Amino acid sequence: MRKQISLAMAAAMALGMAVPAAAEGTPITFFNSKMEIQTQLEEKLQDDYAADDVTVYYSSDTVAAEMAKVYSAKTPYTVAMVDAKDIYSLGVEYGVDLSDQDWVANTTQAIEIDGKVLGFPVCVEARGLIYNKTAIEEITGEEFVPENYKTLDAFKELLDTLKEGGMESPVAIMKEDWSLAAHYLAMFYEEREDVNAYIDALYAGEADVEGDARFNSLMDTFDVLKENNYAKDAAGAAVREDSEMYLADGDVAFMFGGNWDWAVMAEFDPEGEYGIMPVPQNDAEEYYTLVGGGSKYLFVDNTEYTTDEQREAGKALLNWFANDPEGQDFLVNTCALVPAFSNIELEVADPLGQSVKAFADADMLTPSYNYLPDDHYAKLGQSMQAYLTNDLDRAGLAADIVEYWKNTTPVER
C-alpha cells in the first residue's frame, strides 16, 4: 500500500498535479531508504511538519539505482537518505556543503570529504544477536548475563539448556538476502585489522576464503544458529514478521539482527526485556563487539533542479531533526532511533537501542564496512540462502564469495 501511494505521488508530480499536504511553505521532496520508518515519516513530515510542504518517497530499488534514476531524469530529491558510500559517490558533485550548520559540532558521525561536510548522520545502528531476556530466564531460573556466553561453546550449552527446558527451537533466522549477506556475512570482512587490504585481496582473487579464520569462526556460529532455527525444515520460506513475533512472544530466545528490528518487535511486545549481544565466537575476547556506527545519511541536492529556497528548506529540515525538541523526539521516540548527536539528551526508549548505545558509549563497536558493491547482498545473499537451506556447503559458499569479488568492479573508496 505504501509503495502504491508513493507511486501515485510520483505520477501526480510528473503530471504537474499538486500533492496535498498539511504543511505550508516551500515544497520539498524527501527520499527515505529506511523502510522501517516510512509510515512515521509520512505521518510526521507530510501531515504534521509545520515549516514546509514535504512529500516523502520510498523505493524498493537499491539506493544507488534510485539516485541514478532521479538524476538521469533531472528530478532529484531535495533531501535524500542514502548509505555512506552514496555520499562518497554522489556528494561531491550533487551535495550541498553543510559545514556551516550548527549540528556539525555535535556529532562525530558526519561525513566530510575534501573539507566539506556532505552527509548528515540519521542515527547509529548496530547488529548482533538479539535476545529475549525474559524467555531465557523463565527456563534457566537465573539472570541472563550476555557476557557469560561470549564463546560459541558456552552459547551452545545455553541453547541445550533452553531445549531441555521446553524451548524446542531457541533461534530464529531471517532468510532475507540483506540480513544474511549485508549484515551477517559482512562481519567476515569487518572483523579484521585492515578491512580495505582484505577487500583488495578479494577483488584481486587472492584471498583464501575457505581457510580464513574469520570466515570459519562466523560460519561455525551460523551452523549452530541454523541447527537451532525454528524454521530449519523450511528456512527459505520463513517470514521476517513471524520470526520477530516468535522472538517477542518468547517462543524463541535469539535472532540475529539489529536495533532497527524493534520497529516490528514493538508491535508484538512493547514492554518486553530485550537486548543485543555480540555474535558468540570462540575467539570472543577479541571480537566481543557489536558491528555498527553511523547508519543512513541525508544530503541536500545542489543542482540547478533544486531552488535556493528548497535548499534552505532542506537544511532547515536537517536542523529540525538535530536541534528542535520536536524533531529530536521524533527521531528518538517515534522512530526508535539511536541519535548520532551529543546534544540530544533524550533517553533511548527501546531496549535494543539501549544496548547499542551502551556498546557505543563503551567504544565497543566494530565499524561497519560501507563500500560493499550494490549487488553484494543480492548475489551473495542467494548463496547464503542456499547455505541456510543446506543446498550449498561451506566450501561452495567460499567459492561463491571468491568468484563474486574477483568479477566485481571495485567500489571507489
Protein backbone atom coordinates (compact mmCIF):
# COMPACT_ATOMS: atom_id res chain seq x y z
CA MET A 1 0.00 0.00 0.00
CA ARG A 2 2.78 2.45 0.90
CA LYS A 3 4.50 1.69 -2.41
CA GLN A 4 1.26 2.31 -4.30
CA ILE A 5 0.80 5.63 -2.53
CA SER A 6 4.36 6.68 -3.35
CA LEU A 7 3.93 5.68 -6.98
CA ALA A 8 0.71 7.66 -7.13
CA MET A 9 2.50 10.71 -5.74
CA ALA A 10 5.29 10.31 -8.25
CA ALA A 11 2.77 10.10 -11.08
CA ALA A 12 0.99 13.17 -9.81
CA MET A 13 4.20 15.18 -9.71
CA ALA A 14 5.17 14.02 -13.19
CA LEU A 15 1.87 15.37 -14.49
CA GLY A 16 2.31 18.66 -12.68
CA MET A 17 -0.53 17.92 -10.28
CA ALA A 18 -0.43 19.25 -6.73
CA VAL A 19 0.09 16.69 -3.96
CA PRO A 20 -1.92 17.77 -0.91
CA ALA A 21 -0.07 18.33 2.36
CA ALA A 22 -0.98 19.80 5.67
CA ALA A 23 2.17 21.91 5.96
CA GLU A 24 2.63 25.26 4.27
CA GLY A 25 5.81 26.74 2.89
CA THR A 26 8.41 25.73 0.36
CA PRO A 27 7.57 22.41 -1.35
CA ILE A 28 10.40 19.90 -0.99
CA THR A 29 10.81 16.19 -1.60
CA PHE A 30 12.36 13.70 0.81
CA PHE A 31 13.63 10.27 -0.20
CA ASN A 32 13.58 7.63 2.52
CA SER A 33 15.60 4.42 2.15
CA LYS A 34 14.77 3.06 5.60
CA MET A 35 11.63 1.00 5.22
CA GLU A 36 11.03 0.65 8.98
CA ILE A 37 10.22 4.34 9.41
CA GLN A 38 8.34 5.09 6.19
CA THR A 39 4.95 5.36 7.86
CA GLN A 40 6.34 7.55 10.64
CA LEU A 41 7.98 9.89 8.12
CA GLU A 42 4.84 10.13 6.02
CA GLU A 43 2.65 10.89 9.01
CA LYS A 44 5.03 13.45 10.52
CA LEU A 45 6.62 15.24 7.58
CA GLN A 46 3.65 15.20 5.22
CA ASP A 47 0.92 15.83 7.77
CA ASP A 48 2.43 17.43 10.84
CA TYR A 49 5.63 19.29 9.93
CA ALA A 50 4.78 22.95 10.16
CA ALA A 51 7.70 24.56 8.35
CA ASP A 52 7.38 23.36 4.76
CA ASP A 53 5.38 21.23 2.33
CA VAL A 54 7.24 17.91 2.40
CA THR A 55 6.46 14.87 0.24
CA VAL A 56 8.09 11.60 1.33
CA TYR A 57 9.04 8.85 -1.11
CA TYR A 58 10.28 5.29 -0.73
CA SER A 59 11.62 2.87 -3.33
CA SER A 60 12.29 -0.85 -3.21
CA ASP A 61 15.22 -0.32 -5.62
CA THR A 62 18.74 -0.06 -4.27
CA VAL A 63 19.66 3.43 -3.16
CA ALA A 64 22.24 3.73 -5.94
CA ALA A 65 19.68 2.70 -8.58
CA GLU A 66 17.11 5.17 -7.27
CA MET A 67 19.63 8.02 -7.21
CA ALA A 68 20.83 7.19 -10.72
CA LYS A 69 17.24 7.22 -11.93
CA VAL A 70 16.28 10.59 -10.49
CA TYR A 71 19.49 12.33 -11.50
CA SER A 72 19.24 10.92 -15.01
CA ALA A 73 15.68 12.24 -15.19
CA LYS A 74 16.81 15.61 -13.76
CA THR A 75 14.28 15.27 -10.94
CA PRO A 76 16.46 14.94 -7.84
CA TYR A 77 15.03 14.82 -4.35
CA THR A 78 15.60 17.93 -2.27
CA VAL A 79 16.80 15.76 0.63
CA ALA A 80 17.80 12.13 0.14
CA MET A 81 18.52 9.42 2.71
CA VAL A 82 21.34 7.26 1.36
CA ASP A 83 24.09 4.95 2.55
CA ALA A 84 27.56 6.18 3.42
CA LYS A 85 29.11 5.02 0.16
CA ASP A 86 26.49 7.01 -1.76
CA ILE A 87 27.67 10.19 -0.06
CA TYR A 88 31.17 9.47 -1.34
CA SER A 89 29.97 8.70 -4.85
CA LEU A 90 27.35 11.46 -5.15
CA GLY A 91 28.07 14.07 -2.53
CA VAL A 92 30.99 15.87 -4.13
CA GLU A 93 29.04 16.51 -7.31
CA TYR A 94 25.50 16.79 -6.03
CA GLY A 95 25.61 17.65 -2.31
CA VAL A 96 25.37 20.97 -0.51
CA ASP A 97 28.30 21.81 1.76
CA LEU A 98 26.81 21.66 5.26
CA SER A 99 29.96 22.67 7.14
CA ASP A 100 28.39 25.86 8.46
CA GLN A 101 25.44 24.10 10.10
CA ASP A 102 25.21 24.18 13.91
CA TRP A 103 24.66 20.43 14.26
CA VAL A 104 28.09 19.62 12.81
CA ALA A 105 29.76 20.40 16.15
CA ASN A 106 27.54 17.87 17.94
CA THR A 107 28.35 14.69 16.04
CA THR A 108 31.37 12.54 15.24
CA GLN A 109 29.49 10.61 12.57
CA ALA A 110 29.05 13.25 9.83
CA ILE A 111 30.75 12.50 6.51
CA GLU A 112 33.33 15.07 5.44
CA ILE A 113 35.01 14.97 2.02
CA ASP A 114 37.75 17.39 1.00
CA GLY A 115 36.93 19.71 3.87
CA LYS A 116 33.19 19.78 3.17
CA VAL A 117 30.54 18.19 5.37
CA LEU A 118 28.20 16.46 2.94
CA GLY A 119 26.45 13.75 4.96
CA PHE A 120 24.10 14.24 7.91
CA PRO A 121 24.01 11.08 10.11
CA VAL A 122 20.45 9.92 10.68
CA CYS A 123 21.25 7.52 13.52
CA VAL A 124 23.64 4.99 14.99
CA GLU A 125 22.80 1.36 14.28
CA ALA A 126 24.45 -1.91 15.17
CA ARG A 127 23.89 -5.61 14.68
CA GLY A 128 24.41 -8.73 16.69
CA LEU A 129 22.32 -11.40 18.35
CA ILE A 130 19.00 -10.09 19.67
CA TYR A 131 17.82 -11.90 22.80
CA ASN A 132 14.59 -12.18 24.77
CA LYS A 133 15.84 -11.89 28.34
CA THR A 134 12.55 -12.86 29.95
CA ALA A 135 12.11 -16.01 27.87
CA ILE A 136 15.63 -17.19 28.72
CA GLU A 137 15.28 -16.52 32.44
CA GLU A 138 11.91 -18.27 32.68
CA ILE A 139 13.63 -21.51 31.63
CA THR A 140 17.04 -21.17 33.28
CA GLY A 141 15.70 -19.71 36.52
CA GLU A 142 18.62 -17.30 36.77
CA GLU A 143 19.51 -13.86 35.49
CA PHE A 144 20.67 -13.83 31.87
CA VAL A 145 24.08 -12.17 31.65
CA PRO A 146 25.16 -11.99 27.97
CA GLU A 147 28.85 -11.72 28.90
CA ASN A 148 28.68 -15.27 30.25
CA TYR A 149 28.04 -16.53 26.72
CA LYS A 150 30.76 -14.85 24.73
CA THR A 151 32.11 -18.10 23.33
CA LEU A 152 30.34 -20.43 20.96
CA ASP A 153 30.91 -23.35 23.37
CA ALA A 154 29.17 -21.53 26.22
CA PHE A 155 26.38 -20.42 23.90
CA LYS A 156 25.76 -23.98 22.72
CA GLU A 157 25.42 -25.09 26.35
CA LEU A 158 22.80 -22.38 26.89
CA LEU A 159 20.86 -23.49 23.81
CA ASP A 160 20.90 -27.08 25.12
CA THR A 161 19.57 -25.86 28.47
CA LEU A 162 16.75 -23.97 26.74
CA LYS A 163 15.80 -27.02 24.70
CA GLU A 164 15.85 -29.25 27.76
CA GLY A 165 13.56 -26.70 29.42
CA GLY A 166 10.97 -26.96 26.69
CA MET A 167 12.00 -24.40 24.08
CA GLU A 168 12.09 -26.71 21.10
CA SER A 169 13.98 -24.34 18.74
CA PRO A 170 15.62 -21.38 20.52
CA VAL A 171 16.69 -19.47 17.37
CA ALA A 172 15.05 -17.53 14.55
CA ILE A 173 17.00 -16.76 11.35
CA MET A 174 15.72 -14.20 8.88
CA LYS A 175 16.12 -15.54 5.36
CA GLU A 176 16.19 -12.10 3.67
CA ASP A 177 19.26 -11.60 1.46
CA TRP A 178 20.12 -8.26 3.04
CA SER A 179 20.16 -9.79 6.51
CA LEU A 180 22.23 -12.81 5.51
CA ALA A 181 24.74 -11.11 3.22
CA ALA A 182 24.87 -7.41 4.05
CA HIS A 183 24.61 -7.94 7.80
CA TYR A 184 25.87 -11.40 8.80
CA LEU A 185 28.32 -12.32 6.05
CA ALA A 186 29.72 -8.78 6.03
CA MET A 187 31.11 -9.32 9.53
CA PHE A 188 33.62 -11.67 7.95
CA TYR A 189 35.13 -8.62 6.20
CA GLU A 190 34.62 -6.19 9.07
CA GLU A 191 36.20 -8.22 11.86
CA ARG A 192 39.82 -7.69 10.88
CA GLU A 193 42.50 -5.07 11.39
CA ASP A 194 42.80 -3.89 7.79
CA VAL A 195 39.43 -4.28 6.09
CA ASN A 196 40.47 -2.46 2.92
CA ALA A 197 43.52 -4.67 2.43
CA TYR A 198 41.37 -7.78 2.68
CA ILE A 199 38.76 -6.38 0.29
CA ASP A 200 41.57 -5.58 -2.16
CA ALA A 201 42.72 -9.19 -1.91
CA LEU A 202 39.17 -10.35 -2.64
CA TYR A 203 38.92 -8.08 -5.67
CA ALA A 204 42.23 -9.49 -6.90
CA GLY A 205 41.07 -13.07 -6.37
CA GLU A 206 43.97 -13.63 -3.98
CA ALA A 207 42.08 -14.23 -0.71
CA ASP A 208 41.77 -17.73 0.72
CA VAL A 209 38.18 -17.54 1.93
CA GLU A 210 37.72 -21.24 2.68
CA GLY A 211 40.71 -21.24 5.02
CA ASP A 212 40.09 -17.82 6.56
CA ALA A 213 39.82 -17.84 10.36
CA ARG A 214 37.17 -15.11 10.49
CA PHE A 215 35.03 -16.81 7.85
CA ASN A 216 35.16 -20.15 9.60
CA SER A 217 34.56 -18.71 13.05
CA LEU A 218 31.43 -16.87 11.95
CA MET A 219 30.16 -19.79 9.89
CA ASP A 220 30.70 -22.14 12.85
CA THR A 221 28.33 -19.89 14.78
CA PHE A 222 25.93 -19.69 11.85
CA ASP A 223 25.83 -23.50 11.73
CA VAL A 224 24.75 -23.58 15.37
CA LEU A 225 22.12 -20.92 14.73
CA LYS A 226 20.65 -22.73 11.74
CA GLU A 227 20.66 -26.10 13.53
CA ASN A 228 18.51 -24.48 16.22
CA ASN A 229 16.36 -22.45 13.82
CA TYR A 230 12.63 -22.86 14.38
CA ALA A 231 12.16 -22.88 10.59
CA LYS A 232 15.11 -25.13 9.73
CA ASP A 233 12.92 -27.56 7.79
CA ALA A 234 11.62 -24.70 5.61
CA ALA A 235 14.21 -21.99 6.24
CA GLY A 236 13.77 -20.42 2.83
CA ALA A 237 10.08 -19.77 3.49
CA ALA A 238 10.45 -18.08 6.89
CA VAL A 239 8.68 -14.73 7.11
CA ARG A 240 10.54 -11.89 8.81
CA GLU A 241 7.49 -10.71 10.77
CA ASP A 242 6.86 -14.26 12.02
CA SER A 243 10.44 -14.59 13.24
CA GLU A 244 10.23 -11.30 15.10
CA MET A 245 6.84 -12.26 16.53
CA TYR A 246 8.18 -15.59 17.81
CA LEU A 247 11.09 -13.76 19.43
CA ALA A 248 8.78 -11.21 21.03
CA ASP A 249 6.39 -13.94 22.22
CA GLY A 250 9.24 -15.92 23.77
CA ASP A 251 8.82 -18.94 21.50
CA VAL A 252 12.45 -18.43 20.52
CA ALA A 253 15.20 -16.73 22.51
CA PHE A 254 17.63 -15.41 19.89
CA MET A 255 17.58 -13.84 16.44
CA PHE A 256 20.42 -12.24 14.50
CA GLY A 257 19.51 -8.65 13.63
CA GLY A 258 19.88 -5.05 14.71
CA ASN A 259 18.18 -2.31 16.66
CA TRP A 260 16.06 -1.48 13.59
CA ASP A 261 14.12 -4.68 14.32
CA TRP A 262 12.48 -3.01 17.29
CA ALA A 263 10.10 -1.19 14.94
CA VAL A 264 8.47 -4.56 14.19
CA MET A 265 9.03 -6.31 17.54
CA ALA A 266 7.35 -3.48 19.42
CA GLU A 267 4.10 -4.26 17.65
CA PHE A 268 4.01 -7.62 19.45
CA ASP A 269 5.51 -6.90 22.88
CA PRO A 270 6.47 -3.25 23.52
CA GLU A 271 7.12 -3.85 27.23
CA GLY A 272 9.39 -6.89 26.97
CA GLU A 273 13.01 -7.19 28.15
CA TYR A 274 15.35 -7.49 25.19
CA GLY A 275 18.87 -6.63 24.20
CA ILE A 276 21.59 -7.19 21.59
CA MET A 277 24.78 -9.11 22.31
CA PRO A 278 27.80 -9.80 20.09
CA VAL A 279 27.68 -12.94 17.98
CA PRO A 280 29.31 -15.67 20.12
CA GLN A 281 32.66 -16.89 18.80
CA ASN A 282 35.32 -18.96 20.44
CA ASP A 283 37.91 -16.21 19.98
CA ALA A 284 35.37 -13.98 21.69
CA GLU A 285 37.59 -11.60 23.64
CA GLU A 286 38.97 -10.01 20.50
CA TYR A 287 35.62 -9.78 18.74
CA TYR A 288 33.19 -9.17 21.58
CA THR A 289 31.65 -6.13 19.93
CA LEU A 290 28.56 -5.19 18.02
CA VAL A 291 29.13 -4.12 14.41
CA GLY A 292 27.81 -0.69 13.54
CA GLY A 293 28.16 3.07 13.56
CA GLY A 294 26.56 5.93 11.69
CA SER A 295 23.78 4.48 9.58
CA LYS A 296 21.98 6.24 6.75
CA TYR A 297 22.90 9.76 5.78
CA LEU A 298 20.97 12.74 4.46
CA PHE A 299 22.31 15.08 1.83
CA VAL A 300 20.77 18.16 0.27
CA ASP A 301 20.71 18.48 -3.51
CA ASN A 302 22.90 21.21 -5.00
CA THR A 303 21.93 21.00 -8.67
CA GLU A 304 20.11 23.56 -10.80
CA TYR A 305 16.96 21.47 -10.49
CA THR A 306 16.60 22.44 -6.84
CA THR A 307 15.99 26.10 -5.97
CA ASP A 308 17.88 28.04 -3.32
CA GLU A 309 14.66 28.24 -1.33
CA GLN A 310 14.32 24.47 -1.45
CA ARG A 311 17.93 24.02 -0.37
CA GLU A 312 17.35 26.28 2.62
CA ALA A 313 14.20 24.34 3.45
CA GLY A 314 16.18 21.11 3.20
CA LYS A 315 18.85 22.42 5.56
CA ALA A 316 16.12 23.59 7.94
CA LEU A 317 14.69 20.08 8.00
CA LEU A 318 18.08 18.64 8.96
CA ASN A 319 18.38 21.26 11.68
CA TRP A 320 14.91 20.29 12.91
CA PHE A 321 15.98 16.65 13.28
CA ALA A 322 19.17 17.56 15.18
CA ASN A 323 18.24 20.60 17.25
CA ASP A 324 14.48 21.10 17.56
CA PRO A 325 12.93 19.32 20.58
CA GLU A 326 10.06 18.11 18.41
CA GLY A 327 12.44 16.77 15.76
CA GLN A 328 14.63 15.11 18.37
CA ASP A 329 11.57 13.47 19.93
CA PHE A 330 10.52 12.26 16.50
CA LEU A 331 13.88 10.58 15.86
CA VAL A 332 14.29 9.02 19.30
CA ASN A 333 10.75 8.18 20.38
CA THR A 334 8.61 7.96 17.24
CA CYS A 335 11.21 6.31 15.00
CA ALA A 336 13.01 4.48 17.83
CA LEU A 337 16.43 5.50 16.52
CA VAL A 338 19.69 5.90 18.43
CA PRO A 339 20.70 9.52 17.76
CA ALA A 340 24.13 10.39 16.39
CA PHE A 341 24.22 13.78 18.16
CA SER A 342 25.66 14.53 21.59
CA ASN A 343 23.21 17.36 22.22
CA ILE A 344 20.22 15.00 22.03
CA GLU A 345 19.79 14.01 25.65
CA LEU A 346 16.55 12.08 25.33
CA GLU A 347 16.83 8.58 26.76
CA VAL A 348 16.74 5.96 24.06
CA ALA A 349 13.35 4.43 24.60
CA ASP A 350 13.64 0.94 23.20
CA PRO A 351 15.73 -1.88 24.71
CA LEU A 352 17.61 -2.71 21.50
CA GLY A 353 18.62 0.92 21.09
CA GLN A 354 19.72 0.98 24.71
CA SER A 355 22.02 -1.97 24.06
CA VAL A 356 23.53 -0.25 21.04
CA LYS A 357 24.06 2.97 22.97
CA ALA A 358 25.76 1.08 25.80
CA PHE A 359 28.19 -0.60 23.40
CA ALA A 360 28.78 2.68 21.57
CA ASP A 361 29.42 4.55 24.84
CA ALA A 362 31.91 1.84 25.83
CA ASP A 363 33.68 2.13 22.45
CA MET A 364 32.72 -1.46 21.68
CA LEU A 365 31.51 -1.09 18.11
CA THR A 366 33.36 -2.62 15.18
CA PRO A 367 32.80 -0.14 12.32
CA SER A 368 30.50 -1.19 9.52
CA TYR A 369 32.11 -1.53 6.11
CA ASN A 370 30.29 0.99 3.94
CA TYR A 371 31.62 0.12 0.49
CA LEU A 372 30.02 -3.19 -0.40
CA PRO A 373 29.08 -3.29 -4.10
CA ASP A 374 25.40 -2.63 -4.75
CA ASP A 375 24.68 -6.19 -5.85
CA HIS A 376 26.59 -7.81 -2.99
CA TYR A 377 23.61 -8.62 -0.83
CA ALA A 378 21.52 -9.81 -3.76
CA LYS A 379 24.12 -12.13 -5.26
CA LEU A 380 25.87 -13.42 -2.16
CA GLY A 381 22.52 -13.30 -0.38
CA GLN A 382 21.42 -16.07 -2.73
CA SER A 383 24.48 -18.08 -1.77
CA MET A 384 23.81 -17.53 1.92
CA GLN A 385 20.19 -18.57 1.43
CA ALA A 386 21.38 -21.76 -0.26
CA TYR A 387 23.72 -22.37 2.67
CA LEU A 388 20.87 -21.74 5.09
CA THR A 389 18.72 -24.37 3.38
CA ASN A 390 21.64 -26.83 3.12
CA ASP A 391 21.68 -26.62 -0.67
CA LEU A 392 25.27 -25.33 -0.57
CA ASP A 393 28.11 -26.46 1.67
CA ARG A 394 30.75 -24.25 3.23
CA ALA A 395 33.32 -24.89 0.51
CA GLY A 396 30.72 -23.95 -2.10
CA LEU A 397 29.84 -20.77 -0.23
CA ALA A 398 33.53 -19.82 -0.01
CA ALA A 399 33.92 -20.45 -3.74
CA ASP A 400 30.89 -18.24 -4.48
CA ILE A 401 32.41 -15.46 -2.41
CA VAL A 402 35.72 -15.69 -4.25
CA GLU A 403 34.03 -15.71 -7.66
CA TYR A 404 31.76 -12.82 -6.79
CA TRP A 405 34.52 -10.46 -5.65
CA LYS A 406 37.03 -11.15 -8.40
CA ASN A 407 34.34 -10.49 -11.03
CA THR A 408 33.05 -7.29 -9.43
CA THR A 409 34.06 -3.74 -10.32
CA PRO A 410 35.81 -2.22 -7.29
CA VAL A 411 33.83 0.40 -5.39
CA GLU A 412 35.54 3.78 -5.08
CA ARG A 413 36.61 4.44 -1.51
